[in-house]
């Protein structure tokens, strides 16, 4: 039914252009009043977002049934009632509305489904990535655990070795302590007993307040031999021919020396010479002034 009229409406897609054509068609004619009335009735359509399309659709269908008559002839304008299929038109509109609503819901549901599928796919990808990271972390921790286990075994082995060495050193220290005690005992043997008689009895204890015996006199006159530390040997005693001045310093005791001291490491034998002894005698002799005084006295008093 629409095919004969398609060439007339195919290129008319602009609303302003179609309205201008209609205005030029009905202008200055009796149809202009009815066209204005038609536009005024269109203004009375309820201003509703959902209802307005239905109104325009119904009006479009009515105009289509009036203009595009089935027999191709103009309708009989003398009749008061025209045959129009309003019930089928309304049923079709209701069905089409339901279809459009269903299609809209279907499109919305499809969008939600696509969003859910996309989110699910992203979650699956993220889950796989997390599982891969977890497996990699487990492998790294397992390798680190093996390394720590081997290091722990090595440390325990080293500790056992060190403990055994410490025990050996303790045994050596104990043995050296015993050897040292034995050496001290052998270095100071007791005096032999008198021939033909028992051994000398020990001396009686000293009375309170009594000073100890002078050095060089042991019990009953026996010499006491003292062991010198750090491998020192007794110093050689020098006896000059003349009396020397008394030195103005204190003597350092053996117990005050340390292992790295100068007096422990020095060897006096290397500096021993007659020339040095002669210089020391001239510098520190105590008889020089006395002899000079005697000489001056002998010159001041002439002989009788």
C-alpha atoms as a PDB file:
ATOM      1  CA  UNK A   1       0.000   0.000   0.000  1.00  0.00           C
ATOM      2  CA  UNK A   2       2.910   2.338   0.688  1.00  0.00           C
ATOM      3  CA  UNK A   3       4.929   1.519  -2.422  1.00  0.00           C
ATOM      4  CA  UNK A   4       3.204   4.025  -4.794  1.00  0.00           C
ATOM      5  CA  UNK A   5       3.754   6.850  -2.328  1.00  0.00           C
ATOM      6  CA  UNK A   6       7.380   6.100  -1.412  1.00  0.00           C
ATOM      7  CA  UNK A   7       8.868   8.298  -4.171  1.00  0.00           C
ATOM      8  CA  UNK A   8       6.951  11.260  -2.745  1.00  0.00           C
ATOM      9  CA  UNK A   9       8.283  10.871   0.804  1.00  0.00           C
ATOM     10  CA  UNK A  10      11.625   9.132   0.316  1.00  0.00           C
ATOM     11  CA  UNK A  11      13.756  12.252   0.103  1.00  0.00           C
ATOM     12  CA  UNK A  12      11.784  14.264   2.665  1.00  0.00           C
ATOM     13  CA  UNK A  13      13.648  13.637   5.929  1.00  0.00           C
ATOM     14  CA  UNK A  14      13.995  17.162   7.241  1.00  0.00           C
ATOM     15  CA  UNK A  15      11.115  18.377   9.450  1.00  0.00           C
ATOM     16  CA  UNK A  16      11.524  22.026   8.486  1.00  0.00           C
ATOM     17  CA  UNK A  17      11.554  21.198   4.782  1.00  0.00           C
ATOM     18  CA  UNK A  18       8.384  19.059   5.012  1.00  0.00           C
ATOM     19  CA  UNK A  19       6.617  21.738   7.069  1.00  0.00           C
ATOM     20  CA  UNK A  20       7.580  24.398   4.541  1.00  0.00           C
ATOM     21  CA  UNK A  21       6.213  22.263   1.688  1.00  0.00           C
ATOM     22  CA  UNK A  22       2.912  21.812   3.548  1.00  0.00           C
ATOM     23  CA  UNK A  23       2.721  25.534   4.277  1.00  0.00           C
ATOM     24  CA  UNK A  24       3.238  26.360   0.624  1.00  0.00           C
ATOM     25  CA  UNK A  25       0.631  23.764  -0.333  1.00  0.00           C
ATOM     26  CA  UNK A  26      -2.182  25.024   1.940  1.00  0.00           C
ATOM     27  CA  UNK A  27      -1.291  28.695   1.920  1.00  0.00           C
ATOM     28  CA  UNK A  28      -4.094  30.991   0.767  1.00  0.00           C
ATOM     29  CA  UNK A  29      -6.523  28.091   0.495  1.00  0.00           C
ATOM     30  CA  UNK A  30      -9.423  26.782   2.515  1.00  0.00           C
ATOM     31  CA  UNK A  31      -7.225  23.929   3.765  1.00  0.00           C
ATOM     32  CA  UNK A  32      -4.998  26.399   5.635  1.00  0.00           C
ATOM     33  CA  UNK A  33      -7.571  26.761   8.424  1.00  0.00           C
ATOM     34  CA  UNK A  34      -7.839  23.001   8.881  1.00  0.00           C
ATOM     35  CA  UNK A  35      -4.057  22.625   8.789  1.00  0.00           C
ATOM     36  CA  UNK A  36      -3.801  25.228  11.541  1.00  0.00           C
ATOM     37  CA  UNK A  37      -6.468  23.381  13.534  1.00  0.00           C
ATOM     38  CA  UNK A  38      -4.514  20.143  13.077  1.00  0.00           C
ATOM     39  CA  UNK A  39      -1.366  21.777  14.409  1.00  0.00           C
ATOM     40  CA  UNK A  40      -3.316  23.259  17.323  1.00  0.00           C
ATOM     41  CA  UNK A  41      -4.643  19.808  18.204  1.00  0.00           C
ATOM     42  CA  UNK A  42      -1.074  18.481  18.124  1.00  0.00           C
ATOM     43  CA  UNK A  43      -0.194  21.109  20.684  1.00  0.00           C
ATOM     44  CA  UNK A  44      -2.818  19.604  23.005  1.00  0.00           C
ATOM     45  CA  UNK A  45      -0.989  16.253  23.170  1.00  0.00           C
ATOM     46  CA  UNK A  46      -0.076  15.473  26.801  1.00  0.00           C
ATOM     47  CA  UNK A  47       3.440  16.512  27.613  1.00  0.00           C
ATOM     48  CA  UNK A  48       4.668  13.137  28.804  1.00  0.00           C
ATOM     49  CA  UNK A  49       7.904  11.465  27.792  1.00  0.00           C
ATOM     50  CA  UNK A  50       6.326   8.025  27.459  1.00  0.00           C
ATOM     51  CA  UNK A  51       2.793   9.012  26.321  1.00  0.00           C
ATOM     52  CA  UNK A  52       3.725  11.540  23.614  1.00  0.00           C
ATOM     53  CA  UNK A  53       5.218   8.945  21.213  1.00  0.00           C
ATOM     54  CA  UNK A  54       2.073   6.838  21.537  1.00  0.00           C
ATOM     55  CA  UNK A  55      -0.148   9.814  20.667  1.00  0.00           C
ATOM     56  CA  UNK A  56       1.871  10.687  17.593  1.00  0.00           C
ATOM     57  CA  UNK A  57       1.954   7.088  16.555  1.00  0.00           C
ATOM     58  CA  UNK A  58      -1.841   6.793  16.818  1.00  0.00           C
ATOM     59  CA  UNK A  59      -2.325  10.032  14.842  1.00  0.00           C
ATOM     60  CA  UNK A  60       0.146   8.788  12.224  1.00  0.00           C
ATOM     61  CA  UNK A  61      -1.750   5.519  11.812  1.00  0.00           C
ATOM     62  CA  UNK A  62      -5.067   7.349  11.499  1.00  0.00           C
ATOM     63  CA  UNK A  63      -3.726   9.729   8.861  1.00  0.00           C
ATOM     64  CA  UNK A  64      -2.223   6.768   7.044  1.00  0.00           C
ATOM     65  CA  UNK A  65      -5.571   4.934   6.940  1.00  0.00           C
ATOM     66  CA  UNK A  66      -7.331   8.081   5.718  1.00  0.00           C
ATOM     67  CA  UNK A  67      -4.828   9.157   3.102  1.00  0.00           C
ATOM     68  CA  UNK A  68      -3.639   5.777   1.907  1.00  0.00           C
ATOM     69  CA  UNK A  69      -7.039   4.228   1.157  1.00  0.00           C
ATOM     70  CA  UNK A  70      -7.133   0.607   0.106  1.00  0.00           C
ATOM     71  CA  UNK A  71      -9.094   1.016  -3.149  1.00  0.00           C
ATOM     72  CA  UNK A  72      -6.841   3.850  -4.286  1.00  0.00           C
ATOM     73  CA  UNK A  73      -9.758   6.330  -4.456  1.00  0.00           C
ATOM     74  CA  UNK A  74     -10.542   9.264  -2.233  1.00  0.00           C
ATOM     75  CA  UNK A  75     -12.839   8.539   0.678  1.00  0.00           C
ATOM     76  CA  UNK A  76     -16.486   9.614   0.508  1.00  0.00           C
ATOM     77  CA  UNK A  77     -16.434  12.909   2.332  1.00  0.00           C
ATOM     78  CA  UNK A  78     -20.243  13.008   2.404  1.00  0.00           C
ATOM     79  CA  UNK A  79     -20.370  10.220   4.979  1.00  0.00           C
ATOM     80  CA  UNK A  80     -20.391  11.203   8.598  1.00  0.00           C
ATOM     81  CA  UNK A  81     -18.575   8.096   9.713  1.00  0.00           C
ATOM     82  CA  UNK A  82     -15.560   6.626   8.099  1.00  0.00           C
ATOM     83  CA  UNK A  83     -14.530   3.026   8.578  1.00  0.00           C
ATOM     84  CA  UNK A  84     -11.277   2.899  10.512  1.00  0.00           C
ATOM     85  CA  UNK A  85      -9.792  -0.052  12.404  1.00  0.00           C
ATOM     86  CA  UNK A  86      -9.125   1.620  15.739  1.00  0.00           C
ATOM     87  CA  UNK A  87      -9.286  -1.620  17.792  1.00  0.00           C
ATOM     88  CA  UNK A  88      -6.674  -3.381  15.706  1.00  0.00           C
ATOM     89  CA  UNK A  89      -4.629  -0.211  15.712  1.00  0.00           C
ATOM     90  CA  UNK A  90      -4.759   0.048  19.486  1.00  0.00           C
ATOM     91  CA  UNK A  91      -4.019  -3.676  19.906  1.00  0.00           C
ATOM     92  CA  UNK A  92      -1.053  -3.352  17.620  1.00  0.00           C
ATOM     93  CA  UNK A  93       0.139  -0.323  19.564  1.00  0.00           C
ATOM     94  CA  UNK A  94      -0.216  -2.194  22.878  1.00  0.00           C
ATOM     95  CA  UNK A  95       1.607  -5.215  21.509  1.00  0.00           C
ATOM     96  CA  UNK A  96       4.265  -3.053  19.999  1.00  0.00           C
ATOM     97  CA  UNK A  97       4.645  -1.181  23.282  1.00  0.00           C
ATOM     98  CA  UNK A  98       5.107  -4.477  25.078  1.00  0.00           C
ATOM     99  CA  UNK A  99       7.596  -5.569  22.477  1.00  0.00           C
ATOM    100  CA  UNK A 100       9.498  -2.314  22.758  1.00  0.00           C
ATOM    101  CA  UNK A 101       9.473  -2.571  26.565  1.00  0.00           C
ATOM    102  CA  UNK A 102      10.662  -6.145  26.362  1.00  0.00           C
ATOM    103  CA  UNK A 103      13.309  -5.198  23.850  1.00  0.00           C
ATOM    104  CA  UNK A 104      14.470  -2.344  26.082  1.00  0.00           C
ATOM    105  CA  UNK A 105      14.656  -4.700  29.057  1.00  0.00           C
ATOM    106  CA  UNK A 106      16.388  -7.265  26.898  1.00  0.00           C
ATOM    107  CA  UNK A 107      18.950  -4.702  25.765  1.00  0.00           C
ATOM    108  CA  UNK A 108      19.474  -3.598  29.357  1.00  0.00           C
ATOM    109  CA  UNK A 109      19.834  -7.193  30.511  1.00  0.00           C
ATOM    110  CA  UNK A 110      22.244  -7.893  27.669  1.00  0.00           C
ATOM    111  CA  UNK A 111      24.318  -4.910  28.738  1.00  0.00           C
ATOM    112  CA  UNK A 112      24.315  -6.140  32.337  1.00  0.00           C
ATOM    113  CA  UNK A 113      25.189  -9.639  31.147  1.00  0.00           C
ATOM    114  CA  UNK A 114      28.053  -8.293  29.060  1.00  0.00           C
ATOM    115  CA  UNK A 115      29.270  -6.262  32.033  1.00  0.00           C
ATOM    116  CA  UNK A 116      29.044  -9.306  34.317  1.00  0.00           C
ATOM    117  CA  UNK A 117      30.838 -11.495  31.776  1.00  0.00           C
ATOM    118  CA  UNK A 118      33.547  -8.873  31.345  1.00  0.00           C
ATOM    119  CA  UNK A 119      33.960  -8.545  35.113  1.00  0.00           C
ATOM    120  CA  UNK A 120      34.025 -12.329  35.449  1.00  0.00           C
ATOM    121  CA  UNK A 121      36.650 -12.613  32.739  1.00  0.00           C
ATOM    122  CA  UNK A 122      38.752  -9.927  34.421  1.00  0.00           C
ATOM    123  CA  UNK A 123      38.387 -11.695  37.776  1.00  0.00           C
ATOM    124  CA  UNK A 124      39.434 -14.993  36.205  1.00  0.00           C
ATOM    125  CA  UNK A 125      42.493 -13.349  34.653  1.00  0.00           C
ATOM    126  CA  UNK A 126      43.351 -11.707  37.962  1.00  0.00           C
ATOM    127  CA  UNK A 127      42.773 -15.015  39.782  1.00  0.00           C
ATOM    128  CA  UNK A 128      45.116 -16.825  37.398  1.00  0.00           C
ATOM    129  CA  UNK A 129      47.711 -14.113  37.890  1.00  0.00           C
ATOM    130  CA  UNK A 130      47.381 -14.344  41.674  1.00  0.00           C
ATOM    131  CA  UNK A 131      47.630 -18.137  41.513  1.00  0.00           C
ATOM    132  CA  UNK A 132      50.782 -17.829  39.394  1.00  0.00           C
ATOM    133  CA  UNK A 133      52.242 -15.290  41.827  1.00  0.00           C
ATOM    134  CA  UNK A 134      51.316 -17.566  44.728  1.00  0.00           C
ATOM    135  CA  UNK A 135      53.009 -20.563  43.136  1.00  0.00           C
ATOM    136  CA  UNK A 136      56.084 -18.468  42.354  1.00  0.00           C
ATOM    137  CA  UNK A 137      56.166 -17.203  45.944  1.00  0.00           C
ATOM    138  CA  UNK A 138      55.817 -20.759  47.257  1.00  0.00           C
ATOM    139  CA  UNK A 139      58.740 -21.862  45.077  1.00  0.00           C
ATOM    140  CA  UNK A 140      60.855 -18.926  46.251  1.00  0.00           C
ATOM    141  CA  UNK A 141      60.020 -19.616  49.898  1.00  0.00           C
ATOM    142  CA  UNK A 142      60.786 -23.306  49.413  1.00  0.00           C
ATOM    143  CA  UNK A 143      64.160 -22.472  47.865  1.00  0.00           C
ATOM    144  CA  UNK A 144      64.865 -19.977  50.647  1.00  0.00           C
ATOM    145  CA  UNK A 145      63.886 -22.609  53.215  1.00  0.00           C
ATOM    146  CA  UNK A 146      66.319 -25.089  51.664  1.00  0.00           C
ATOM    147  CA  UNK A 147      69.093 -22.486  51.700  1.00  0.00           C
ATOM    148  CA  UNK A 148      68.368 -21.610  55.334  1.00  0.00           C
ATOM    149  CA  UNK A 149      68.310 -25.308  56.216  1.00  0.00           C
ATOM    150  CA  UNK A 150      71.705 -25.875  54.613  1.00  0.00           C
ATOM    151  CA  UNK A 151      73.118 -22.769  56.300  1.00  0.00           C
ATOM    152  CA  UNK A 152      71.714 -23.930  59.629  1.00  0.00           C
ATOM    153  CA  UNK A 153      73.343 -27.341  59.185  1.00  0.00           C
ATOM    154  CA  UNK A 154      76.664 -25.654  58.339  1.00  0.00           C
ATOM    155  CA  UNK A 155      76.384 -23.380  61.395  1.00  0.00           C
ATOM    156  CA  UNK A 156      75.625 -26.342  63.636  1.00  0.00           C
ATOM    157  CA  UNK A 157      78.614 -28.186  62.189  1.00  0.00           C
ATOM    158  CA  UNK A 158      80.823 -25.144  62.773  1.00  0.00           C
ATOM    159  CA  UNK A 159      79.483 -24.824  66.328  1.00  0.00           C
ATOM    160  CA  UNK A 160      80.307 -28.469  67.002  1.00  0.00           C
ATOM    161  CA  UNK A 161      83.810 -27.951  65.619  1.00  0.00           C
ATOM    162  CA  UNK A 162      84.297 -24.808  67.716  1.00  0.00           C
ATOM    163  CA  UNK A 163      83.015 -26.563  70.847  1.00  0.00           C
ATOM    164  CA  UNK A 164      85.427 -29.438  70.297  1.00  0.00           C
ATOM    165  CA  UNK A 165      88.289 -26.958  69.774  1.00  0.00           C
ATOM    166  CA  UNK A 166      87.263 -25.079  72.931  1.00  0.00           C
ATOM    167  CA  UNK A 167      87.271 -28.330  74.907  1.00  0.00           C
ATOM    168  CA  UNK A 168      90.705 -29.195  73.527  1.00  0.00           C
ATOM    169  CA  UNK A 169      91.994 -25.732  74.436  1.00  0.00           C
ATOM    170  CA  UNK A 170      90.575 -26.086  77.945  1.00  0.00           C
ATOM    171  CA  UNK A 171      92.346 -29.421  78.308  1.00  0.00           C
ATOM    172  CA  UNK A 172      95.592 -27.860  77.063  1.00  0.00           C
ATOM    173  CA  UNK A 173      95.178 -24.954  79.492  1.00  0.00           C
ATOM    174  CA  UNK A 174      94.604 -27.367  82.382  1.00  0.00           C
ATOM    175  CA  UNK A 175      97.636 -29.412  81.337  1.00  0.00           C
ATOM    176  CA  UNK A 176      99.788 -26.283  81.016  1.00  0.00           C
ATOM    177  CA  UNK A 177      98.595 -25.098  84.435  1.00  0.00           C
ATOM    178  CA  UNK A 178      99.612 -28.431  85.927  1.00  0.00           C
ATOM    179  CA  UNK A 179     102.981 -28.302  84.145  1.00  0.00           C
ATOM    180  CA  UNK A 180     103.514 -24.761  85.425  1.00  0.00           C
ATOM    181  CA  UNK A 181     102.767 -25.789  88.998  1.00  0.00           C
ATOM    182  CA  UNK A 182     105.130 -28.720  88.667  1.00  0.00           C
ATOM    183  CA  UNK A 183     107.819 -26.439  87.200  1.00  0.00           C
ATOM    184  CA  UNK A 184     107.409 -24.000  90.104  1.00  0.00           C
ATOM    185  CA  UNK A 185     107.685 -26.870  92.548  1.00  0.00           C
ATOM    186  CA  UNK A 186     110.819 -28.168  90.838  1.00  0.00           C
ATOM    187  CA  UNK A 187     112.364 -24.677  90.665  1.00  0.00           C
ATOM    188  CA  UNK A 188     112.242 -24.267  94.485  1.00  0.00           C
ATOM    189  CA  UNK A 189     113.309 -27.607  95.995  1.00  0.00           C
ATOM    190  CA  UNK A 190     113.384 -27.891  99.788  1.00  0.00           C
ATOM    191  CA  UNK A 191     116.849 -27.818 101.464  1.00  0.00           C
ATOM    192  CA  UNK A 192     118.402 -31.235 102.003  1.00  0.00           C
ATOM    193  CA  UNK A 193     118.423 -32.581 105.556  1.00  0.00           C
ATOM    194  CA  UNK A 194     121.612 -32.513 107.607  1.00  0.00           C
ATOM    195  CA  UNK A 195     123.671 -35.671 107.366  1.00  0.00           C
ATOM    196  CA  UNK A 196     123.127 -38.038 110.208  1.00  0.00           C
ATOM    197  CA  UNK A 197     120.049 -36.329 111.540  1.00  0.00           C
ATOM    198  CA  UNK A 198     116.400 -35.705 110.736  1.00  0.00           C
ATOM    199  CA  UNK A 199     115.282 -32.867 108.581  1.00  0.00           C
ATOM    200  CA  UNK A 200     115.204 -29.332 109.876  1.00  0.00           C
ATOM    201  CA  UNK A 201     111.873 -28.586 111.510  1.00  0.00           C
ATOM    202  CA  UNK A 202     109.870 -25.668 110.122  1.00  0.00           C
ATOM    203  CA  UNK A 203     110.386 -22.311 111.807  1.00  0.00           C
ATOM    204  CA  UNK A 204     107.924 -21.255 114.490  1.00  0.00           C
ATOM    205  CA  UNK A 205     105.213 -18.802 113.494  1.00  0.00           C
ATOM    206  CA  UNK A 206     105.994 -15.113 113.805  1.00  0.00           C
ATOM    207  CA  UNK A 207     104.543 -13.157 116.662  1.00  0.00           C
ATOM    208  CA  UNK A 208     101.907 -10.492 115.935  1.00  0.00           C
ATOM    209  CA  UNK A 209     103.483  -7.225 114.823  1.00  0.00           C
ATOM    210  CA  UNK A 210     106.805  -8.832 114.049  1.00  0.00           C
ATOM    211  CA  UNK A 211     108.270  -7.660 110.698  1.00  0.00           C
ATOM    212  CA  UNK A 212     109.064 -10.278 108.049  1.00  0.00           C
ATOM    213  CA  UNK A 213     112.665 -11.411 107.679  1.00  0.00           C
ATOM    214  CA  UNK A 214     114.890  -9.312 105.387  1.00  0.00           C
ATOM    215  CA  UNK A 215     115.215 -10.373 101.766  1.00  0.00           C
ATOM    216  CA  UNK A 216     118.002 -12.790 101.058  1.00  0.00           C
ATOM    217  CA  UNK A 217     117.451 -14.680 104.300  1.00  0.00           C
ATOM    218  CA  UNK A 218     115.004 -17.520 103.982  1.00  0.00           C
ATOM    219  CA  UNK A 219     113.950 -19.931 106.648  1.00  0.00           C
ATOM    220  CA  UNK A 220     117.024 -20.850 108.722  1.00  0.00           C
ATOM    221  CA  UNK A 221     119.305 -18.993 106.351  1.00  0.00           C
ATOM    222  CA  UNK A 222     118.309 -20.941 103.203  1.00  0.00           C
ATOM    223  CA  UNK A 223     118.426 -18.766 100.044  1.00  0.00           C
ATOM    224  CA  UNK A 224     115.091 -18.162  98.328  1.00  0.00           C
ATOM    225  CA  UNK A 225     115.148 -18.399  94.537  1.00  0.00           C
ATOM    226  CA  UNK A 226     112.432 -16.314  92.853  1.00  0.00           C
ATOM    227  CA  UNK A 227     111.352 -17.149  89.303  1.00  0.00           C
ATOM    228  CA  UNK A 228     111.374 -14.050  87.055  1.00  0.00           C
ATOM    229  CA  UNK A 229     108.412 -13.509  84.674  1.00  0.00           C
ATOM    230  CA  UNK A 230     108.489 -13.228  80.858  1.00  0.00           C
ATOM    231  CA  UNK A 231     111.667 -15.319  80.579  1.00  0.00           C
ATOM    232  CA  UNK A 232     113.882 -12.697  82.304  1.00  0.00           C
ATOM    233  CA  UNK A 233     117.270 -13.609  83.722  1.00  0.00           C
ATOM    234  CA  UNK A 234     118.877 -12.021  86.814  1.00  0.00           C
ATOM    235  CA  UNK A 235     120.664  -8.765  86.025  1.00  0.00           C
ATOM    236  CA  UNK A 236     124.438  -8.739  86.116  1.00  0.00           C
ATOM    237  CA  UNK A 237     125.882  -6.749  89.029  1.00  0.00           C
ATOM    238  CA  UNK A 238     128.592  -4.205  88.180  1.00  0.00           C
ATOM    239  CA  UNK A 239     131.111  -3.111  90.876  1.00  0.00           C
ATOM    240  CA  UNK A 240     132.939   0.088  89.878  1.00  0.00           C
ATOM    241  CA  UNK A 241     136.379   0.846  91.355  1.00  0.00           C
ATOM    242  CA  UNK A 242     135.267   4.200  92.811  1.00  0.00           C
ATOM    243  CA  UNK A 243     132.104   5.166  94.666  1.00  0.00           C
ATOM    244  CA  UNK A 244     129.395   6.650  92.417  1.00  0.00           C
ATOM    245  CA  UNK A 245     126.698   9.182  93.233  1.00  0.00           C
ATOM    246  CA  UNK A 246     123.339   7.885  94.328  1.00  0.00           C
ATOM    247  CA  UNK A 247     120.853   7.878  91.425  1.00  0.00           C
ATOM    248  CA  UNK A 248     117.781  10.113  91.887  1.00  0.00           C
ATOM    249  CA  UNK A 249     115.152   7.576  90.747  1.00  0.00           C
ATOM    250  CA  UNK A 250     113.204   4.688  92.193  1.00  0.00           C
ATOM    251  CA  UNK A 251     113.926   1.118  91.295  1.00  0.00           C
ATOM    252  CA  UNK A 252     111.236  -0.634  89.204  1.00  0.00           C
ATOM    253  CA  UNK A 253     110.039  -3.884  90.727  1.00  0.00           C
ATOM    254  CA  UNK A 254     109.735  -7.054  88.691  1.00  0.00           C
ATOM    255  CA  UNK A 255     106.030  -7.281  89.453  1.00  0.00           C
ATOM    256  CA  UNK A 256     105.492  -3.826  87.856  1.00  0.00           C
ATOM    257  CA  UNK A 257     106.865  -4.846  84.465  1.00  0.00           C
ATOM    258  CA  UNK A 258     104.726  -5.881  81.501  1.00  0.00           C
ATOM    259  CA  UNK A 259     105.494  -8.260  78.663  1.00  0.00           C
ATOM    260  CA  UNK A 260     105.979  -5.436  76.118  1.00  0.00           C
ATOM    261  CA  UNK A 261     108.011  -3.191  78.430  1.00  0.00           C
ATOM    262  CA  UNK A 262     111.366  -1.759  77.338  1.00  0.00           C
ATOM    263  CA  UNK A 263     113.119  -3.207  80.378  1.00  0.00           C
ATOM    264  CA  UNK A 264     111.732  -6.664  79.558  1.00  0.00           C
ATOM    265  CA  UNK A 265     113.027  -6.715  75.977  1.00  0.00           C
ATOM    266  CA  UNK A 266     116.330  -4.809  76.397  1.00  0.00           C
ATOM    267  CA  UNK A 267     119.642  -6.649  76.444  1.00  0.00           C
ATOM    268  CA  UNK A 268     122.228  -4.803  78.576  1.00  0.00           C
ATOM    269  CA  UNK A 269     125.104  -7.008  77.438  1.00  0.00           C
ATOM    270  CA  UNK A 270     125.132  -5.280  74.031  1.00  0.00           C
ATOM    271  CA  UNK A 271     126.002  -1.890  75.607  1.00  0.00           C
ATOM    272  CA  UNK A 272     128.715  -3.192  77.963  1.00  0.00           C
ATOM    273  CA  UNK A 273     132.130  -1.588  77.226  1.00  0.00           C
ATOM    274  CA  UNK A 274     135.079  -0.190  79.204  1.00  0.00           C
ATOM    275  CA  UNK A 275     134.781   3.192  77.469  1.00  0.00           C
ATOM    276  CA  UNK A 276     131.160   3.552  78.639  1.00  0.00           C
ATOM    277  CA  UNK A 277     132.135   2.579  82.187  1.00  0.00           C
ATOM    278  CA  UNK A 278     134.934   5.198  82.149  1.00  0.00           C
ATOM    279  CA  UNK A 279     132.502   7.945  81.004  1.00  0.00           C
ATOM    280  CA  UNK A 280     129.984   6.966  83.697  1.00  0.00           C
ATOM    281  CA  UNK A 281     132.747   6.975  86.329  1.00  0.00           C
ATOM    282  CA  UNK A 282     133.875  10.482  85.329  1.00  0.00           C
ATOM    283  CA  UNK A 283     130.298  11.823  85.189  1.00  0.00           C
ATOM    284  CA  UNK A 284     128.873  10.250  88.366  1.00  0.00           C
ATOM    285  CA  UNK A 285     131.953   9.734  90.592  1.00  0.00           C
ATOM    286  CA  UNK A 286     131.388  10.826  94.207  1.00  0.00           C
ATOM    287  CA  UNK A 287     135.133  11.335  95.017  1.00  0.00           C
ATOM    288  CA  UNK A 288     135.918  14.095  92.517  1.00  0.00           C
ATOM    289  CA  UNK A 289     134.882  17.047  94.724  1.00  0.00           C
ATOM    290  CA  UNK A 290     136.548  15.534  97.786  1.00  0.00           C
ATOM    291  CA  UNK A 291     139.854  15.107  96.004  1.00  0.00           C
ATOM    292  CA  UNK A 292     139.606  18.676  94.679  1.00  0.00           C
ATOM    293  CA  UNK A 293     138.887  19.966  98.175  1.00  0.00           C
ATOM    294  CA  UNK A 294     141.869  18.087  99.571  1.00  0.00           C
ATOM    295  CA  UNK A 295     144.089  19.475  96.835  1.00  0.00           C
ATOM    296  CA  UNK A 296     143.019  23.054  97.535  1.00  0.00           C
ATOM    297  CA  UNK A 297     143.555  22.591 101.236  1.00  0.00           C
ATOM    298  CA  UNK A 298     147.067  21.300 100.707  1.00  0.00           C
ATOM    299  CA  UNK A 299     147.917  24.358  98.590  1.00  0.00           C
ATOM    300  CA  UNK A 300     146.540  26.875 101.126  1.00  0.00           C
ATOM    301  CA  UNK A 301     148.647  25.766 104.040  1.00  0.00           C
ATOM    302  CA  UNK A 302     152.420  25.770 103.422  1.00  0.00           C
ATOM    303  CA  UNK A 303     154.611  23.273 105.073  1.00  0.00           C
ATOM    304  CA  UNK A 304     156.560  24.266 108.132  1.00  0.00           C
END
